[in-house]
Amino acid sequence: MESITYSFPVKVPSLNEYINACRRNKYAGGKMKKDLSEAIRSFLPSQPKMTLTPPFDLHFVFYEQTKRRDKDNVISMGVKGTLDAFQEHGILGNDNWLWIETIKADVLLAKDCIKEPYRFDVTITERRKK
């Protein structure tokens, strides 16, 4: 199976931060999601569209600086923002069940693994049709 990995030195807002922004101002949540999507897109390589064919297995690894933010809150915003950015950039044609078979995610402490305080990696693996 072929795969491709993207790395993004981006701090993903947590779901709690997003909910609080939505409560503060009706436009703040949308701006937060847009900012995340733009940050992700800015690191996407300017190369032709991916040559893998769906369906895909996605594996996310989020690196956090501390244990202050809950894993599920980081994962939920990170996956949603990334999938939206991938669609806008043309890496994924869609994020529905026909395109994405599985989504797995891990959250690790950055100090144990990498030099950047925050980062996340996405591996897209082509799943062979049976």
C-alpha atoms as a PDB file:
ATOM      1  CA  MET A   1       0.000   0.000   0.000  1.00  0.00           C
ATOM      2  CA  GLU A   2       1.258   3.422  -0.906  1.00  0.00           C
ATOM      3  CA  SER A   3       1.129   6.324   1.516  1.00  0.00           C
ATOM      4  CA  ILE A   4       2.118   9.956   1.883  1.00  0.00           C
ATOM      5  CA  THR A   5       2.822  11.888   5.106  1.00  0.00           C
ATOM      6  CA  TYR A   6       2.365  15.604   5.702  1.00  0.00           C
ATOM      7  CA  SER A   7       3.826  17.452   8.727  1.00  0.00           C
ATOM      8  CA  PHE A   8       2.468  20.737  10.034  1.00  0.00           C
ATOM      9  CA  PRO A   9       4.225  22.866  12.707  1.00  0.00           C
ATOM     10  CA  VAL A  10       0.856  24.234  13.819  1.00  0.00           C
ATOM     11  CA  LYS A  11      -0.862  24.419  17.207  1.00  0.00           C
ATOM     12  CA  VAL A  12      -4.382  23.098  16.713  1.00  0.00           C
ATOM     13  CA  PRO A  13      -7.017  24.891  18.783  1.00  0.00           C
ATOM     14  CA  SER A  14      -8.899  22.567  21.112  1.00  0.00           C
ATOM     15  CA  LEU A  15     -12.618  21.971  20.797  1.00  0.00           C
ATOM     16  CA  ASN A  16     -13.107  23.803  24.118  1.00  0.00           C
ATOM     17  CA  GLU A  17     -11.296  26.865  22.725  1.00  0.00           C
ATOM     18  CA  TYR A  18     -13.493  26.722  19.625  1.00  0.00           C
ATOM     19  CA  ILE A  19     -16.716  26.431  21.672  1.00  0.00           C
ATOM     20  CA  ASN A  20     -15.669  29.352  23.883  1.00  0.00           C
ATOM     21  CA  ALA A  21     -14.895  31.452  20.800  1.00  0.00           C
ATOM     22  CA  CYS A  22     -18.348  30.653  19.373  1.00  0.00           C
ATOM     23  CA  ARG A  23     -19.959  31.725  22.636  1.00  0.00           C
ATOM     24  CA  ARG A  24     -17.957  34.975  22.726  1.00  0.00           C
ATOM     25  CA  ASN A  25     -18.828  36.126  19.242  1.00  0.00           C
ATOM     26  CA  LYS A  26     -20.834  34.589  16.433  1.00  0.00           C
ATOM     27  CA  TYR A  27     -17.940  35.126  13.985  1.00  0.00           C
ATOM     28  CA  ALA A  28     -15.040  34.118  16.255  1.00  0.00           C
ATOM     29  CA  GLY A  29     -15.518  30.366  15.827  1.00  0.00           C
ATOM     30  CA  GLY A  30     -15.617  30.663  12.045  1.00  0.00           C
ATOM     31  CA  LYS A  31     -12.477  32.799  12.094  1.00  0.00           C
ATOM     32  CA  MET A  32     -10.694  30.247  14.290  1.00  0.00           C
ATOM     33  CA  LYS A  33     -11.571  27.413  11.886  1.00  0.00           C
ATOM     34  CA  LYS A  34     -10.557  29.528   8.879  1.00  0.00           C
ATOM     35  CA  ASP A  35      -7.221  30.454  10.512  1.00  0.00           C
ATOM     36  CA  LEU A  36      -6.482  26.786  11.196  1.00  0.00           C
ATOM     37  CA  SER A  37      -7.355  25.822   7.633  1.00  0.00           C
ATOM     38  CA  GLU A  38      -5.131  28.600   6.217  1.00  0.00           C
ATOM     39  CA  ALA A  39      -2.227  27.617   8.486  1.00  0.00           C
ATOM     40  CA  ILE A  40      -2.484  24.008   7.315  1.00  0.00           C
ATOM     41  CA  ARG A  41      -2.753  25.014   3.656  1.00  0.00           C
ATOM     42  CA  SER A  42       0.315  27.267   3.960  1.00  0.00           C
ATOM     43  CA  PHE A  43       2.459  24.218   4.733  1.00  0.00           C
ATOM     44  CA  LEU A  44       1.055  21.955   2.031  1.00  0.00           C
ATOM     45  CA  PRO A  45       3.611  21.297  -0.661  1.00  0.00           C
ATOM     46  CA  SER A  46       2.957  23.012  -3.969  1.00  0.00           C
ATOM     47  CA  GLN A  47       3.048  19.839  -5.988  1.00  0.00           C
ATOM     48  CA  PRO A  48       0.537  18.123  -8.247  1.00  0.00           C
ATOM     49  CA  LYS A  49      -2.463  16.494  -6.630  1.00  0.00           C
ATOM     50  CA  MET A  50      -1.887  13.250  -4.805  1.00  0.00           C
ATOM     51  CA  THR A  51      -1.766  10.207  -7.086  1.00  0.00           C
ATOM     52  CA  LEU A  52      -3.285   7.811  -4.542  1.00  0.00           C
ATOM     53  CA  THR A  53      -6.812   6.621  -5.170  1.00  0.00           C
ATOM     54  CA  PRO A  54      -9.555   6.336  -2.549  1.00  0.00           C
ATOM     55  CA  PRO A  55     -10.553   4.922  -0.184  1.00  0.00           C
ATOM     56  CA  PHE A  56      -7.917   6.022   2.325  1.00  0.00           C
ATOM     57  CA  ASP A  57      -6.862   5.254   5.865  1.00  0.00           C
ATOM     58  CA  LEU A  58      -5.804   8.396   7.753  1.00  0.00           C
ATOM     59  CA  HIS A  59      -3.494   8.425  10.744  1.00  0.00           C
ATOM     60  CA  PHE A  60      -3.029  11.657  12.711  1.00  0.00           C
ATOM     61  CA  VAL A  61      -0.312  12.175  15.318  1.00  0.00           C
ATOM     62  CA  PHE A  62      -0.628  15.372  17.365  1.00  0.00           C
ATOM     63  CA  TYR A  63       2.319  16.567  19.471  1.00  0.00           C
ATOM     64  CA  GLU A  64       1.388  18.675  22.497  1.00  0.00           C
ATOM     65  CA  GLN A  65       3.702  20.705  24.713  1.00  0.00           C
ATOM     66  CA  THR A  66       1.880  19.857  27.961  1.00  0.00           C
ATOM     67  CA  LYS A  67      -0.948  17.632  29.216  1.00  0.00           C
ATOM     68  CA  ARG A  68      -3.227  20.614  29.866  1.00  0.00           C
ATOM     69  CA  ARG A  69      -5.479  20.070  26.851  1.00  0.00           C
ATOM     70  CA  ASP A  70      -7.638  16.957  26.591  1.00  0.00           C
ATOM     71  CA  LYS A  71      -6.704  14.592  23.797  1.00  0.00           C
ATOM     72  CA  ASP A  72     -10.230  14.330  22.412  1.00  0.00           C
ATOM     73  CA  ASN A  73     -10.514  18.125  22.100  1.00  0.00           C
ATOM     74  CA  VAL A  74      -7.251  18.392  20.165  1.00  0.00           C
ATOM     75  CA  ILE A  75      -8.126  15.459  17.903  1.00  0.00           C
ATOM     76  CA  SER A  76     -11.620  16.679  17.034  1.00  0.00           C
ATOM     77  CA  MET A  77     -10.527  20.151  15.882  1.00  0.00           C
ATOM     78  CA  GLY A  78      -7.334  18.892  14.248  1.00  0.00           C
ATOM     79  CA  VAL A  79      -9.051  16.237  12.154  1.00  0.00           C
ATOM     80  CA  LYS A  80     -11.913  18.511  11.056  1.00  0.00           C
ATOM     81  CA  GLY A  81      -9.649  21.444  10.171  1.00  0.00           C
ATOM     82  CA  THR A  82      -7.213  19.239   8.295  1.00  0.00           C
ATOM     83  CA  LEU A  83      -9.862  17.450   6.258  1.00  0.00           C
ATOM     84  CA  ASP A  84     -11.432  20.781   5.281  1.00  0.00           C
ATOM     85  CA  ALA A  85      -8.037  22.186   4.255  1.00  0.00           C
ATOM     86  CA  PHE A  86      -7.205  19.034   2.288  1.00  0.00           C
ATOM     87  CA  GLN A  87     -10.467  19.351   0.360  1.00  0.00           C
ATOM     88  CA  GLU A  88      -9.914  23.050  -0.356  1.00  0.00           C
ATOM     89  CA  HIS A  89      -6.370  22.324  -1.591  1.00  0.00           C
ATOM     90  CA  GLY A  90      -7.494  19.382  -3.746  1.00  0.00           C
ATOM     91  CA  ILE A  91      -5.640  16.665  -1.833  1.00  0.00           C
ATOM     92  CA  LEU A  92      -8.911  14.952  -0.955  1.00  0.00           C
ATOM     93  CA  GLY A  93     -11.926  15.099  -3.225  1.00  0.00           C
ATOM     94  CA  ASN A  94     -14.249  14.575  -0.286  1.00  0.00           C
ATOM     95  CA  ASP A  95     -14.248  13.510   3.360  1.00  0.00           C
ATOM     96  CA  ASN A  96     -17.208  11.151   3.108  1.00  0.00           C
ATOM     97  CA  TRP A  97     -17.357   7.387   3.674  1.00  0.00           C
ATOM     98  CA  LEU A  98     -16.414   6.618   0.066  1.00  0.00           C
ATOM     99  CA  TRP A  99     -13.120   8.518   0.380  1.00  0.00           C
ATOM    100  CA  ILE A 100     -12.108   7.798   3.978  1.00  0.00           C
ATOM    101  CA  GLU A 101     -12.205   4.261   5.325  1.00  0.00           C
ATOM    102  CA  THR A 102     -10.628   4.794   8.765  1.00  0.00           C
ATOM    103  CA  ILE A 103      -9.337   7.663  10.887  1.00  0.00           C
ATOM    104  CA  LYS A 104      -6.877   6.960  13.694  1.00  0.00           C
ATOM    105  CA  ALA A 105      -5.327   9.549  15.963  1.00  0.00           C
ATOM    106  CA  ASP A 106      -2.664   9.704  18.661  1.00  0.00           C
ATOM    107  CA  VAL A 107      -1.634  12.562  20.940  1.00  0.00           C
ATOM    108  CA  LEU A 108       1.933  12.546  22.262  1.00  0.00           C
ATOM    109  CA  LEU A 109       4.037  14.922  24.341  1.00  0.00           C
ATOM    110  CA  ALA A 110       6.343  16.892  22.071  1.00  0.00           C
ATOM    111  CA  LYS A 111       9.207  17.010  24.586  1.00  0.00           C
ATOM    112  CA  ASP A 112       9.493  13.219  24.337  1.00  0.00           C
ATOM    113  CA  CYS A 113       9.568  13.108  20.532  1.00  0.00           C
ATOM    114  CA  ILE A 114      10.325  16.314  18.637  1.00  0.00           C
ATOM    115  CA  LYS A 115      11.947  19.724  18.974  1.00  0.00           C
ATOM    116  CA  GLU A 116       8.915  21.850  18.039  1.00  0.00           C
ATOM    117  CA  PRO A 117       6.504  22.678  20.885  1.00  0.00           C
ATOM    118  CA  TYR A 118       3.501  21.827  18.688  1.00  0.00           C
ATOM    119  CA  ARG A 119       3.180  19.836  15.492  1.00  0.00           C
ATOM    120  CA  PHE A 120       1.008  17.239  13.880  1.00  0.00           C
ATOM    121  CA  ASP A 121       1.520  14.662  11.148  1.00  0.00           C
ATOM    122  CA  VAL A 122      -1.046  13.126   8.830  1.00  0.00           C
ATOM    123  CA  THR A 123      -0.366   9.901   6.950  1.00  0.00           C
ATOM    124  CA  ILE A 124      -2.710   9.080   4.105  1.00  0.00           C
ATOM    125  CA  THR A 125      -2.575   5.417   3.074  1.00  0.00           C
ATOM    126  CA  GLU A 126      -4.236   4.011   0.019  1.00  0.00           C
ATOM    127  CA  ARG A 127      -6.497   1.112   0.915  1.00  0.00           C
ATOM    128  CA  ARG A 128      -6.687  -1.621  -1.677  1.00  0.00           C
ATOM    129  CA  LYS A 129     -10.198  -2.482  -2.724  1.00  0.00           C
ATOM    130  CA  LYS A 130     -11.098  -6.065  -1.976  1.00  0.00           C
END
